[in-house]
Every structure is written in structure tokens, then in C-alpha cells.
Amino acid sequence: MQLLSRFHSPVAVVISLLAILLATLNVNIGANVVSPANDFSNLWPRKISFRTGGIITCFMGIALMPWKLLSSYSTFIFGWLGGYAAFLGPVAGIMICDYFVIRRRVLVVDDLYLRGGIYEYSRGFKLAGSVGTGSGSGDGAGGIGRSSGARSCMTILGLLDLRFRSSLTMR
């Protein structure tokens, strides 16, 4: 923006600001809309197209009210990031354990993309993985209400600061 203040022509400033706006929108759409739109369309391919997935993403982005998350640092850090880490820790732990311990670093890459391959399990879900994710995220899920003033034994003991690490190592 300091460079824009050196332009003396208002037309050059407007064109430059439009270029910055266009670049920002392109990066944010690519980073924050394309991935979830693909995820939604892969969730139910017969009914949800990529376009519909993008629309769902837009409505969810508004429904999550990001302006409230960013209203204070404690809400964002302890509420959103802490709760997010409580659920990502078990997922990372299961993936690491599956790859290094169970599969001994051997993957059949072709079967990752095949119907009826060794990774399809029961309609795409593995019960043990779902149970592990649920039990692993249970210890940190109490922290989601921390920003709203809710108290739990995890909050009192100060264990919520270890949410990601504790849920990762539980698996």
C-alpha cells in the first residue's frame, strides 16, 4: 500500500487496487472454497456436483460466523483452534499408527482408488478407525465450550492446552 501512495494518478491507483483485490480473491477462493467443494461433491457424487459443493461451502462459511470467532483472541485460539486440534489429533494418530505400525510403511497405491480394494472396508468406513477417532477426540472435546465460559474437569486441570498432543498419543 505504501507503493500505491506514490502514484499521483488516481486511475493508476484504482487499477492497482483492483489488481490487488482480484489477486486476493483468487488466492482465497482457491485455498478456501475449492477443497471443501470437492469434499462435498465426493461425499455424495450422484447428488452433489462441484458447483453445489461450492454453494454449500459458501453457506457454511456464513453459518459459522467467522466475525464472532475473530472478535477476541481467546475465542479464536481456545474455542476454534483448540477444538479443531482436539479432532485432528486422533486423525493424525490413526494415520501415523496405520502407516508405520500396522502396514509397516507399505501401501498398495492402486487399491486406494479401486472399488472393492483392500482399503474400502465397509462402504468406505473402518469401524475401528471411527471408534478410535471418537474416543481420541473425546478428551479434548470439552474444550470447545471453554470460550463460552463452560467449565469441565479438563479445564480445571489445565489439560486442554495439551489437546492435540494427548489425543494424538492416545491412539
N, C-alpha and C. Protein backbone atom coordinates (compact mmCIF):
# COMPACT_ATOMS: atom_id res chain seq x y z
N MET A 1 0.82 -1.19 0.00
CA MET A 1 0.00 0.00 0.00
C MET A 1 0.87 1.26 0.00
N GLN A 2 2.07 1.17 0.57
CA GLN A 2 2.95 2.34 0.55
C GLN A 2 3.34 2.70 -0.88
N LEU A 3 3.48 1.68 -1.72
CA LEU A 3 3.82 1.93 -3.11
C LEU A 3 2.68 2.64 -3.82
N LEU A 4 1.43 2.29 -3.50
CA LEU A 4 0.29 2.94 -4.13
C LEU A 4 0.20 4.42 -3.77
N SER A 5 0.67 4.79 -2.60
CA SER A 5 0.61 6.21 -2.21
C SER A 5 1.58 7.05 -3.03
N ARG A 6 2.52 6.45 -3.68
CA ARG A 6 3.48 7.19 -4.51
C ARG A 6 2.93 7.51 -5.90
N PHE A 7 1.86 6.84 -6.30
CA PHE A 7 1.25 7.16 -7.59
C PHE A 7 0.48 8.47 -7.47
N HIS A 8 0.61 9.31 -8.46
CA HIS A 8 -0.10 10.60 -8.44
C HIS A 8 -1.34 10.55 -9.32
N SER A 9 -1.51 9.49 -10.06
CA SER A 9 -2.66 9.35 -10.94
C SER A 9 -3.72 8.50 -10.25
N PRO A 10 -4.93 9.05 -10.08
CA PRO A 10 -5.99 8.25 -9.46
C PRO A 10 -6.36 7.01 -10.27
N VAL A 11 -6.23 7.07 -11.58
CA VAL A 11 -6.54 5.92 -12.42
C VAL A 11 -5.56 4.78 -12.13
N ALA A 12 -4.28 5.09 -11.97
CA ALA A 12 -3.28 4.07 -11.66
C ALA A 12 -3.54 3.45 -10.30
N VAL A 13 -3.97 4.27 -9.34
CA VAL A 13 -4.27 3.76 -8.00
C VAL A 13 -5.47 2.82 -8.05
N VAL A 14 -6.53 3.18 -8.77
CA VAL A 14 -7.73 2.34 -8.86
C VAL A 14 -7.40 1.02 -9.56
N ILE A 15 -6.64 1.08 -10.65
CA ILE A 15 -6.26 -0.14 -11.36
C ILE A 15 -5.41 -1.04 -10.47
N SER A 16 -4.48 -0.44 -9.74
CA SER A 16 -3.63 -1.23 -8.84
C SER A 16 -4.44 -1.87 -7.72
N LEU A 17 -5.37 -1.11 -7.14
CA LEU A 17 -6.20 -1.67 -6.09
C LEU A 17 -7.10 -2.78 -6.60
N LEU A 18 -7.62 -2.64 -7.81
CA LEU A 18 -8.43 -3.71 -8.40
C LEU A 18 -7.59 -4.96 -8.65
N ALA A 19 -6.33 -4.77 -9.06
CA ALA A 19 -5.45 -5.92 -9.26
C ALA A 19 -5.17 -6.63 -7.94
N ILE A 20 -4.95 -5.86 -6.88
CA ILE A 20 -4.72 -6.46 -5.55
C ILE A 20 -5.99 -7.19 -5.08
N LEU A 21 -7.15 -6.59 -5.30
CA LEU A 21 -8.42 -7.22 -4.93
C LEU A 21 -8.62 -8.52 -5.68
N LEU A 22 -8.37 -8.51 -6.98
CA LEU A 22 -8.53 -9.71 -7.81
C LEU A 22 -7.56 -10.81 -7.37
N ALA A 23 -6.33 -10.45 -7.10
CA ALA A 23 -5.34 -11.45 -6.65
C ALA A 23 -5.74 -12.05 -5.31
N THR A 24 -6.22 -11.21 -4.38
CA THR A 24 -6.64 -11.69 -3.06
C THR A 24 -7.83 -12.64 -3.18
N LEU A 25 -8.81 -12.26 -3.99
CA LEU A 25 -9.98 -13.13 -4.17
C LEU A 25 -9.59 -14.46 -4.81
N ASN A 26 -8.73 -14.44 -5.81
CA ASN A 26 -8.32 -15.68 -6.46
C ASN A 26 -7.60 -16.62 -5.50
N VAL A 27 -6.72 -16.07 -4.69
CA VAL A 27 -5.98 -16.92 -3.74
C VAL A 27 -6.93 -17.47 -2.69
N ASN A 28 -7.82 -16.64 -2.15
CA ASN A 28 -8.73 -17.11 -1.10
C ASN A 28 -9.75 -18.11 -1.62
N ILE A 29 -10.24 -17.91 -2.82
CA ILE A 29 -11.18 -18.88 -3.39
C ILE A 29 -10.48 -20.21 -3.61
N GLY A 30 -9.29 -20.15 -4.16
CA GLY A 30 -8.54 -21.39 -4.39
C GLY A 30 -8.20 -22.12 -3.10
N ALA A 31 -7.89 -21.38 -2.06
CA ALA A 31 -7.47 -22.00 -0.81
C ALA A 31 -8.64 -22.43 0.07
N ASN A 32 -9.74 -21.69 0.02
CA ASN A 32 -10.80 -21.91 0.99
C ASN A 32 -12.12 -22.42 0.43
N VAL A 33 -12.28 -22.47 -0.88
CA VAL A 33 -13.55 -22.94 -1.44
C VAL A 33 -13.38 -24.21 -2.26
N VAL A 34 -12.31 -24.31 -3.03
CA VAL A 34 -12.14 -25.45 -3.93
C VAL A 34 -12.05 -26.76 -3.16
N SER A 35 -11.26 -26.80 -2.12
CA SER A 35 -11.09 -28.05 -1.37
C SER A 35 -12.39 -28.53 -0.72
N PRO A 36 -13.10 -27.70 0.06
CA PRO A 36 -14.35 -28.20 0.62
C PRO A 36 -15.41 -28.49 -0.44
N ALA A 37 -15.42 -27.75 -1.55
CA ALA A 37 -16.39 -28.05 -2.61
C ALA A 37 -16.12 -29.44 -3.18
N ASN A 38 -14.85 -29.79 -3.36
CA ASN A 38 -14.50 -31.15 -3.80
C ASN A 38 -14.91 -32.18 -2.75
N ASP A 39 -14.68 -31.86 -1.49
CA ASP A 39 -15.05 -32.79 -0.42
C ASP A 39 -16.55 -33.06 -0.41
N PHE A 40 -17.35 -32.01 -0.53
CA PHE A 40 -18.80 -32.20 -0.54
C PHE A 40 -19.24 -32.99 -1.77
N SER A 41 -18.64 -32.70 -2.92
CA SER A 41 -19.05 -33.43 -4.13
C SER A 41 -18.62 -34.89 -4.07
N ASN A 42 -17.54 -35.19 -3.38
CA ASN A 42 -17.12 -36.58 -3.21
C ASN A 42 -17.93 -37.30 -2.13
N LEU A 43 -18.55 -36.54 -1.27
CA LEU A 43 -19.36 -37.14 -0.21
C LEU A 43 -20.59 -37.85 -0.79
N TRP A 44 -21.20 -37.28 -1.82
CA TRP A 44 -22.37 -37.84 -2.45
C TRP A 44 -22.36 -37.46 -3.93
N PRO A 45 -21.51 -38.13 -4.72
CA PRO A 45 -21.27 -37.70 -6.10
C PRO A 45 -22.50 -37.66 -7.00
N ARG A 46 -23.46 -38.52 -6.76
CA ARG A 46 -24.65 -38.55 -7.61
C ARG A 46 -25.56 -37.35 -7.41
N LYS A 47 -25.54 -36.79 -6.22
CA LYS A 47 -26.46 -35.69 -5.90
C LYS A 47 -25.77 -34.33 -5.78
N ILE A 48 -24.49 -34.31 -5.40
CA ILE A 48 -23.80 -33.05 -5.14
C ILE A 48 -22.71 -32.85 -6.19
N SER A 49 -22.89 -31.85 -7.03
CA SER A 49 -21.87 -31.51 -8.02
C SER A 49 -20.83 -30.60 -7.37
N PHE A 50 -19.78 -30.29 -8.12
CA PHE A 50 -18.76 -29.37 -7.61
C PHE A 50 -19.38 -28.00 -7.35
N ARG A 51 -20.25 -27.56 -8.23
CA ARG A 51 -20.90 -26.26 -8.06
C ARG A 51 -21.76 -26.24 -6.80
N THR A 52 -22.54 -27.31 -6.60
CA THR A 52 -23.37 -27.39 -5.40
C THR A 52 -22.50 -27.45 -4.15
N GLY A 53 -21.38 -28.16 -4.22
CA GLY A 53 -20.44 -28.20 -3.09
C GLY A 53 -19.89 -26.83 -2.77
N GLY A 54 -19.62 -26.03 -3.79
CA GLY A 54 -19.17 -24.66 -3.57
C GLY A 54 -20.23 -23.80 -2.91
N ILE A 55 -21.48 -24.00 -3.31
CA ILE A 55 -22.58 -23.24 -2.70
C ILE A 55 -22.76 -23.65 -1.24
N ILE A 56 -22.68 -24.95 -0.97
CA ILE A 56 -22.76 -25.42 0.42
C ILE A 56 -21.63 -24.81 1.25
N THR A 57 -20.43 -24.77 0.68
CA THR A 57 -19.28 -24.18 1.37
C THR A 57 -19.53 -22.71 1.69
N CYS A 58 -20.10 -21.97 0.74
CA CYS A 58 -20.38 -20.55 0.98
C CYS A 58 -21.38 -20.37 2.13
N PHE A 59 -22.45 -21.16 2.12
CA PHE A 59 -23.43 -21.03 3.19
C PHE A 59 -22.87 -21.46 4.54
N MET A 60 -22.04 -22.50 4.55
CA MET A 60 -21.42 -22.91 5.81
C MET A 60 -20.45 -21.86 6.33
N GLY A 61 -19.76 -21.20 5.39
CA GLY A 61 -18.85 -20.12 5.80
C GLY A 61 -19.58 -18.99 6.49
N ILE A 62 -20.79 -18.71 6.06
CA ILE A 62 -21.59 -17.67 6.71
C ILE A 62 -22.18 -18.20 8.01
N ALA A 63 -22.63 -19.45 8.01
CA ALA A 63 -23.26 -20.04 9.20
C ALA A 63 -22.28 -20.17 10.37
N LEU A 64 -21.00 -20.36 10.07
CA LEU A 64 -20.00 -20.48 11.14
C LEU A 64 -19.67 -19.15 11.79
N MET A 65 -20.13 -18.07 11.22
CA MET A 65 -19.95 -16.72 11.75
C MET A 65 -18.50 -16.41 12.10
N PRO A 66 -17.62 -16.32 11.10
CA PRO A 66 -16.21 -16.07 11.39
C PRO A 66 -15.95 -14.74 12.08
N TRP A 67 -16.85 -13.76 11.93
CA TRP A 67 -16.66 -12.49 12.61
C TRP A 67 -16.77 -12.64 14.11
N LYS A 68 -17.53 -13.64 14.58
CA LYS A 68 -17.59 -13.89 16.02
C LYS A 68 -16.35 -14.62 16.50
N LEU A 69 -15.83 -15.53 15.67
CA LEU A 69 -14.60 -16.23 16.04
C LEU A 69 -13.43 -15.27 16.18
N LEU A 70 -13.38 -14.27 15.32
CA LEU A 70 -12.26 -13.33 15.32
C LEU A 70 -12.49 -12.12 16.21
N SER A 71 -13.60 -12.09 16.95
CA SER A 71 -13.90 -10.93 17.79
C SER A 71 -12.93 -10.81 18.96
N SER A 72 -12.43 -11.93 19.44
CA SER A 72 -11.42 -11.88 20.50
C SER A 72 -10.44 -13.03 20.29
N TYR A 73 -9.23 -12.81 20.73
CA TYR A 73 -8.21 -13.84 20.52
C TYR A 73 -8.53 -15.11 21.29
N SER A 74 -9.11 -14.99 22.47
CA SER A 74 -9.37 -16.19 23.27
C SER A 74 -10.44 -17.07 22.62
N THR A 75 -11.44 -16.45 22.02
CA THR A 75 -12.47 -17.22 21.33
C THR A 75 -11.85 -18.00 20.17
N PHE A 76 -11.00 -17.34 19.42
CA PHE A 76 -10.40 -17.98 18.26
C PHE A 76 -9.41 -19.06 18.67
N ILE A 77 -8.51 -18.74 19.58
CA ILE A 77 -7.45 -19.69 19.95
C ILE A 77 -8.00 -20.85 20.77
N PHE A 78 -8.69 -20.54 21.86
CA PHE A 78 -9.14 -21.61 22.75
C PHE A 78 -10.41 -22.30 22.25
N GLY A 79 -11.27 -21.57 21.60
CA GLY A 79 -12.51 -22.17 21.12
C GLY A 79 -12.34 -22.90 19.81
N TRP A 80 -11.91 -22.18 18.77
CA TRP A 80 -11.84 -22.77 17.44
C TRP A 80 -10.61 -23.62 17.25
N LEU A 81 -9.43 -23.05 17.43
CA LEU A 81 -8.20 -23.81 17.17
C LEU A 81 -8.03 -24.98 18.13
N GLY A 82 -8.38 -24.78 19.37
CA GLY A 82 -8.28 -25.86 20.34
C GLY A 82 -9.23 -27.00 20.05
N GLY A 83 -10.47 -26.64 19.69
CA GLY A 83 -11.45 -27.68 19.33
C GLY A 83 -11.07 -28.40 18.05
N TYR A 84 -10.53 -27.65 17.11
CA TYR A 84 -10.07 -28.23 15.85
C TYR A 84 -8.93 -29.20 16.10
N ALA A 85 -8.01 -28.83 16.96
CA ALA A 85 -6.88 -29.70 17.29
C ALA A 85 -7.33 -30.95 18.02
N ALA A 86 -8.39 -30.83 18.80
CA ALA A 86 -8.90 -32.00 19.53
C ALA A 86 -9.40 -33.07 18.59
N PHE A 87 -9.89 -32.68 17.42
CA PHE A 87 -10.37 -33.66 16.46
C PHE A 87 -9.31 -34.07 15.44
N LEU A 88 -8.35 -33.19 15.16
CA LEU A 88 -7.30 -33.54 14.21
C LEU A 88 -6.22 -34.43 14.83
N GLY A 89 -6.03 -34.32 16.12
CA GLY A 89 -5.03 -35.17 16.80
C GLY A 89 -5.30 -36.65 16.62
N PRO A 90 -6.52 -37.11 16.90
CA PRO A 90 -6.81 -38.53 16.70
C PRO A 90 -6.70 -38.97 15.25
N VAL A 91 -7.09 -38.10 14.32
CA VAL A 91 -6.98 -38.46 12.90
C VAL A 91 -5.51 -38.65 12.53
N ALA A 92 -4.66 -37.72 12.97
CA ALA A 92 -3.22 -37.84 12.69
C ALA A 92 -2.65 -39.08 13.37
N GLY A 93 -3.05 -39.34 14.61
CA GLY A 93 -2.55 -40.51 15.32
C GLY A 93 -2.93 -41.81 14.65
N ILE A 94 -4.17 -41.89 14.17
CA ILE A 94 -4.63 -43.11 13.49
C ILE A 94 -3.88 -43.29 12.18
N MET A 95 -3.69 -42.20 11.44
CA MET A 95 -2.98 -42.30 10.16
C MET A 95 -1.51 -42.71 10.37
N ILE A 96 -0.87 -42.13 11.36
CA ILE A 96 0.54 -42.47 11.64
C ILE A 96 0.66 -43.91 12.10
N CYS A 97 -0.21 -44.33 13.02
CA CYS A 97 -0.18 -45.70 13.52
C CYS A 97 -0.47 -46.70 12.41
N ASP A 98 -1.47 -46.38 11.57
CA ASP A 98 -1.82 -47.29 10.48
C ASP A 98 -0.66 -47.44 9.50
N TYR A 99 -0.03 -46.34 9.14
CA TYR A 99 1.04 -46.40 8.13
C TYR A 99 2.31 -47.05 8.68
N PHE A 100 2.75 -46.64 9.87
CA PHE A 100 4.03 -47.11 10.37
C PHE A 100 3.95 -48.44 11.11
N VAL A 101 2.89 -48.65 11.89
CA VAL A 101 2.81 -49.84 12.74
C VAL A 101 2.06 -50.97 12.04
N ILE A 102 0.84 -50.70 11.58
CA ILE A 102 0.02 -51.76 11.03
C ILE A 102 0.47 -52.17 9.64
N ARG A 103 0.67 -51.19 8.76
CA ARG A 103 1.03 -51.50 7.37
C ARG A 103 2.54 -51.56 7.14
N ARG A 104 3.31 -51.23 8.13
CA ARG A 104 4.78 -51.26 8.05
C ARG A 104 5.30 -50.52 6.82
N ARG A 105 4.75 -49.32 6.58
CA ARG A 105 5.15 -48.40 5.51
C ARG A 105 4.96 -48.97 4.11
N VAL A 106 4.00 -49.86 3.94
CA VAL A 106 3.70 -50.42 2.62
C VAL A 106 2.24 -50.11 2.28
N LEU A 107 2.03 -49.39 1.17
CA LEU A 107 0.69 -49.10 0.69
C LEU A 107 0.54 -49.66 -0.72
N VAL A 108 -0.63 -50.21 -1.00
CA VAL A 108 -0.95 -50.64 -2.35
C VAL A 108 -1.68 -49.46 -2.99
N VAL A 109 -0.93 -48.63 -3.72
CA VAL A 109 -1.46 -47.36 -4.22
C VAL A 109 -2.65 -47.56 -5.14
N ASP A 110 -2.61 -48.56 -6.01
CA ASP A 110 -3.73 -48.78 -6.92
C ASP A 110 -5.03 -49.07 -6.17
N ASP A 111 -4.95 -49.76 -5.05
CA ASP A 111 -6.15 -50.09 -4.29
C ASP A 111 -6.75 -48.89 -3.57
N LEU A 112 -6.00 -47.81 -3.43
CA LEU A 112 -6.55 -46.60 -2.82
C LEU A 112 -7.69 -46.03 -3.65
N TYR A 113 -7.69 -46.31 -4.96
CA TYR A 113 -8.66 -45.71 -5.87
C TYR A 113 -9.63 -46.72 -6.46
N LEU A 114 -9.61 -47.96 -6.00
CA LEU A 114 -10.46 -49.00 -6.57
C LEU A 114 -11.64 -49.34 -5.67
N ARG A 115 -12.80 -49.55 -6.29
CA ARG A 115 -13.93 -50.10 -5.57
C ARG A 115 -13.60 -51.56 -5.26
N GLY A 116 -13.83 -51.98 -4.06
CA GLY A 116 -13.53 -53.34 -3.67
C GLY A 116 -12.07 -53.57 -3.35
N GLY A 117 -11.25 -52.49 -3.33
CA GLY A 117 -9.84 -52.62 -2.97
C GLY A 117 -9.69 -52.91 -1.48
N ILE A 118 -8.47 -53.14 -1.06
CA ILE A 118 -8.26 -53.53 0.34
C ILE A 118 -8.51 -52.38 1.32
N TYR A 119 -8.65 -51.15 0.83
CA TYR A 119 -8.89 -50.01 1.71
C TYR A 119 -10.34 -49.54 1.74
N GLU A 120 -11.24 -50.25 1.08
CA GLU A 120 -12.64 -49.80 1.05
C GLU A 120 -13.34 -50.10 2.36
N TYR A 121 -12.99 -51.17 3.03
CA TYR A 121 -13.59 -51.59 4.29
C TYR A 121 -15.09 -51.79 4.13
N SER A 122 -15.89 -51.23 5.01
CA SER A 122 -17.33 -51.40 4.95
C SER A 122 -17.95 -50.11 4.41
N ARG A 123 -18.19 -50.08 3.11
CA ARG A 123 -18.73 -48.89 2.43
C ARG A 123 -17.86 -47.67 2.64
N GLY A 124 -16.57 -47.85 2.70
CA GLY A 124 -15.64 -46.74 2.81
C GLY A 124 -15.27 -46.34 4.23
N PHE A 125 -15.84 -46.99 5.23
CA PHE A 125 -15.55 -46.65 6.61
C PHE A 125 -14.99 -47.85 7.33
N LYS A 126 -14.02 -47.63 8.19
CA LYS A 126 -13.47 -48.68 9.02
C LYS A 126 -13.94 -48.43 10.44
N LEU A 127 -14.66 -49.36 11.02
CA LEU A 127 -15.25 -49.19 12.34
C LEU A 127 -14.19 -48.88 13.39
N ALA A 128 -13.07 -49.58 13.35
CA ALA A 128 -12.03 -49.35 14.35
C ALA A 128 -11.49 -47.92 14.27
N GLY A 129 -11.34 -47.40 13.05
CA GLY A 129 -10.87 -46.03 12.89
C GLY A 129 -11.87 -45.02 13.40
N SER A 130 -13.15 -45.28 13.16
CA SER A 130 -14.19 -44.36 13.63
C SER A 130 -14.28 -44.37 15.15
N VAL A 131 -14.18 -45.54 15.75
CA VAL A 131 -14.21 -45.64 17.21
C VAL A 131 -12.97 -44.96 17.81
N GLY A 132 -11.81 -45.18 17.18
CA GLY A 132 -10.58 -44.54 17.65
C GLY A 132 -10.63 -43.04 17.56
N THR A 133 -11.19 -42.52 16.48
CA THR A 133 -11.31 -41.07 16.33
C THR A 133 -12.26 -40.50 17.38
N GLY A 134 -13.38 -41.18 17.59
CA GLY A 134 -14.35 -40.71 18.58
C GLY A 134 -13.81 -40.74 20.00
N SER A 135 -13.13 -41.82 20.36
CA SER A 135 -12.60 -41.90 21.73
C SER A 135 -11.41 -40.97 21.92
N GLY A 136 -10.61 -40.81 20.87
CA GLY A 136 -9.45 -39.92 20.99
C GLY A 136 -9.83 -38.46 21.07
N SER A 137 -10.89 -38.08 20.38
CA SER A 137 -11.30 -36.67 20.41
C SER A 137 -12.18 -36.36 21.61
N GLY A 138 -12.62 -37.37 22.30
CA GLY A 138 -13.46 -37.14 23.48
C GLY A 138 -12.75 -36.39 24.58
N ASP A 139 -11.45 -36.61 24.74
CA ASP A 139 -10.73 -35.93 25.82
C ASP A 139 -10.57 -34.44 25.56
N GLY A 140 -10.51 -34.04 24.32
CA GLY A 140 -10.34 -32.63 24.02
C GLY A 140 -11.62 -31.91 23.67
N ALA A 141 -12.69 -32.65 23.46
CA ALA A 141 -13.95 -32.03 23.04
C ALA A 141 -14.52 -31.12 24.11
N GLY A 142 -14.17 -31.36 25.35
CA GLY A 142 -14.65 -30.49 26.42
C GLY A 142 -14.15 -29.07 26.30
N GLY A 143 -13.08 -28.87 25.56
CA GLY A 143 -12.51 -27.55 25.42
C GLY A 143 -13.23 -26.66 24.45
N ILE A 144 -14.12 -27.23 23.66
CA ILE A 144 -14.84 -26.40 22.69
C ILE A 144 -15.71 -25.39 23.42
N GLY A 145 -16.26 -25.77 24.54
CA GLY A 145 -17.09 -24.84 25.30
C GLY A 145 -16.29 -23.92 26.21
N ARG A 146 -14.98 -24.05 26.21
CA ARG A 146 -14.15 -23.24 27.10
C ARG A 146 -14.33 -21.75 26.84
N SER A 147 -14.43 -21.36 25.57
CA SER A 147 -14.56 -19.95 25.25
C SER A 147 -15.89 -19.37 25.70
N SER A 148 -16.89 -20.23 25.87
CA SER A 148 -18.19 -19.74 26.31
C SER A 148 -18.29 -19.68 27.83
N GLY A 149 -17.22 -20.01 28.51
CA GLY A 149 -17.22 -19.95 29.96
C GLY A 149 -17.58 -21.27 30.61
N ALA A 150 -17.84 -22.30 29.82
CA ALA A 150 -18.18 -23.60 30.38
C ALA A 150 -16.96 -24.18 31.08
N ARG A 151 -17.20 -24.86 32.18
CA ARG A 151 -16.11 -25.44 32.94
C ARG A 151 -16.24 -26.96 32.89
N SER A 152 -15.12 -27.63 32.80
CA SER A 152 -15.11 -29.08 32.86
C SER A 152 -13.90 -29.49 33.67
N CYS A 153 -13.81 -30.78 33.99
CA CYS A 153 -12.65 -31.23 34.75
C CYS A 153 -11.38 -31.02 33.95
N MET A 154 -11.47 -31.11 32.60
CA MET A 154 -10.29 -30.88 31.76
C MET A 154 -9.83 -29.43 31.87
N THR A 155 -10.77 -28.49 31.92
CA THR A 155 -10.42 -27.08 32.04
C THR A 155 -9.77 -26.81 33.39
N ILE A 156 -10.36 -27.36 34.43
CA ILE A 156 -9.86 -27.12 35.77
C ILE A 156 -8.44 -27.68 35.93
N LEU A 157 -8.18 -28.85 35.37
CA LEU A 157 -6.86 -29.43 35.48
C LEU A 157 -5.84 -28.81 34.52
N GLY A 158 -6.30 -27.96 33.62
CA GLY A 158 -5.41 -27.32 32.67
C GLY A 158 -4.93 -28.25 31.57
N LEU A 159 -5.65 -29.33 31.33
CA LEU A 159 -5.22 -30.30 30.34
C LEU A 159 -5.60 -29.91 28.92
N LEU A 160 -6.43 -28.89 28.76
CA LEU A 160 -6.86 -28.53 27.41
C LEU A 160 -5.73 -27.96 26.57
N ASP A 161 -4.69 -27.46 27.22
CA ASP A 161 -3.56 -26.94 26.47
C ASP A 161 -2.80 -28.07 25.78
N LEU A 162 -3.04 -29.29 26.18
CA LEU A 162 -2.37 -30.45 25.60
C LEU A 162 -3.28 -31.25 24.68
N ARG A 163 -4.38 -30.64 24.23
CA ARG A 163 -5.38 -31.38 23.47
C ARG A 163 -4.82 -32.14 22.28
N PHE A 164 -4.10 -31.47 21.40
CA PHE A 164 -3.62 -32.14 20.20
C PHE A 164 -2.66 -33.26 20.57
N ARG A 165 -1.70 -32.97 21.45
CA ARG A 165 -0.71 -33.98 21.79
C ARG A 165 -1.33 -35.16 22.53
N SER A 166 -2.27 -34.90 23.43
CA SER A 166 -2.86 -36.01 24.18
C SER A 166 -3.74 -36.87 23.28
N SER A 167 -4.51 -36.25 22.40
CA SER A 167 -5.34 -37.06 21.52
C SER A 167 -4.52 -37.78 20.45
N LEU A 168 -3.39 -37.21 20.07
CA LEU A 168 -2.50 -37.87 19.12
C LEU A 168 -1.86 -39.11 19.74
N THR A 169 -1.41 -39.00 20.98
CA THR A 169 -0.72 -40.11 21.61
C THR A 169 -1.66 -41.18 22.16
N MET A 170 -2.95 -40.85 22.30
CA MET A 170 -3.89 -41.87 22.78
C MET A 170 -4.04 -43.01 21.79
N ARG A 171 -3.83 -42.72 20.54
CA ARG A 171 -4.00 -43.74 19.52
C ARG A 171 -2.76 -44.57 19.46
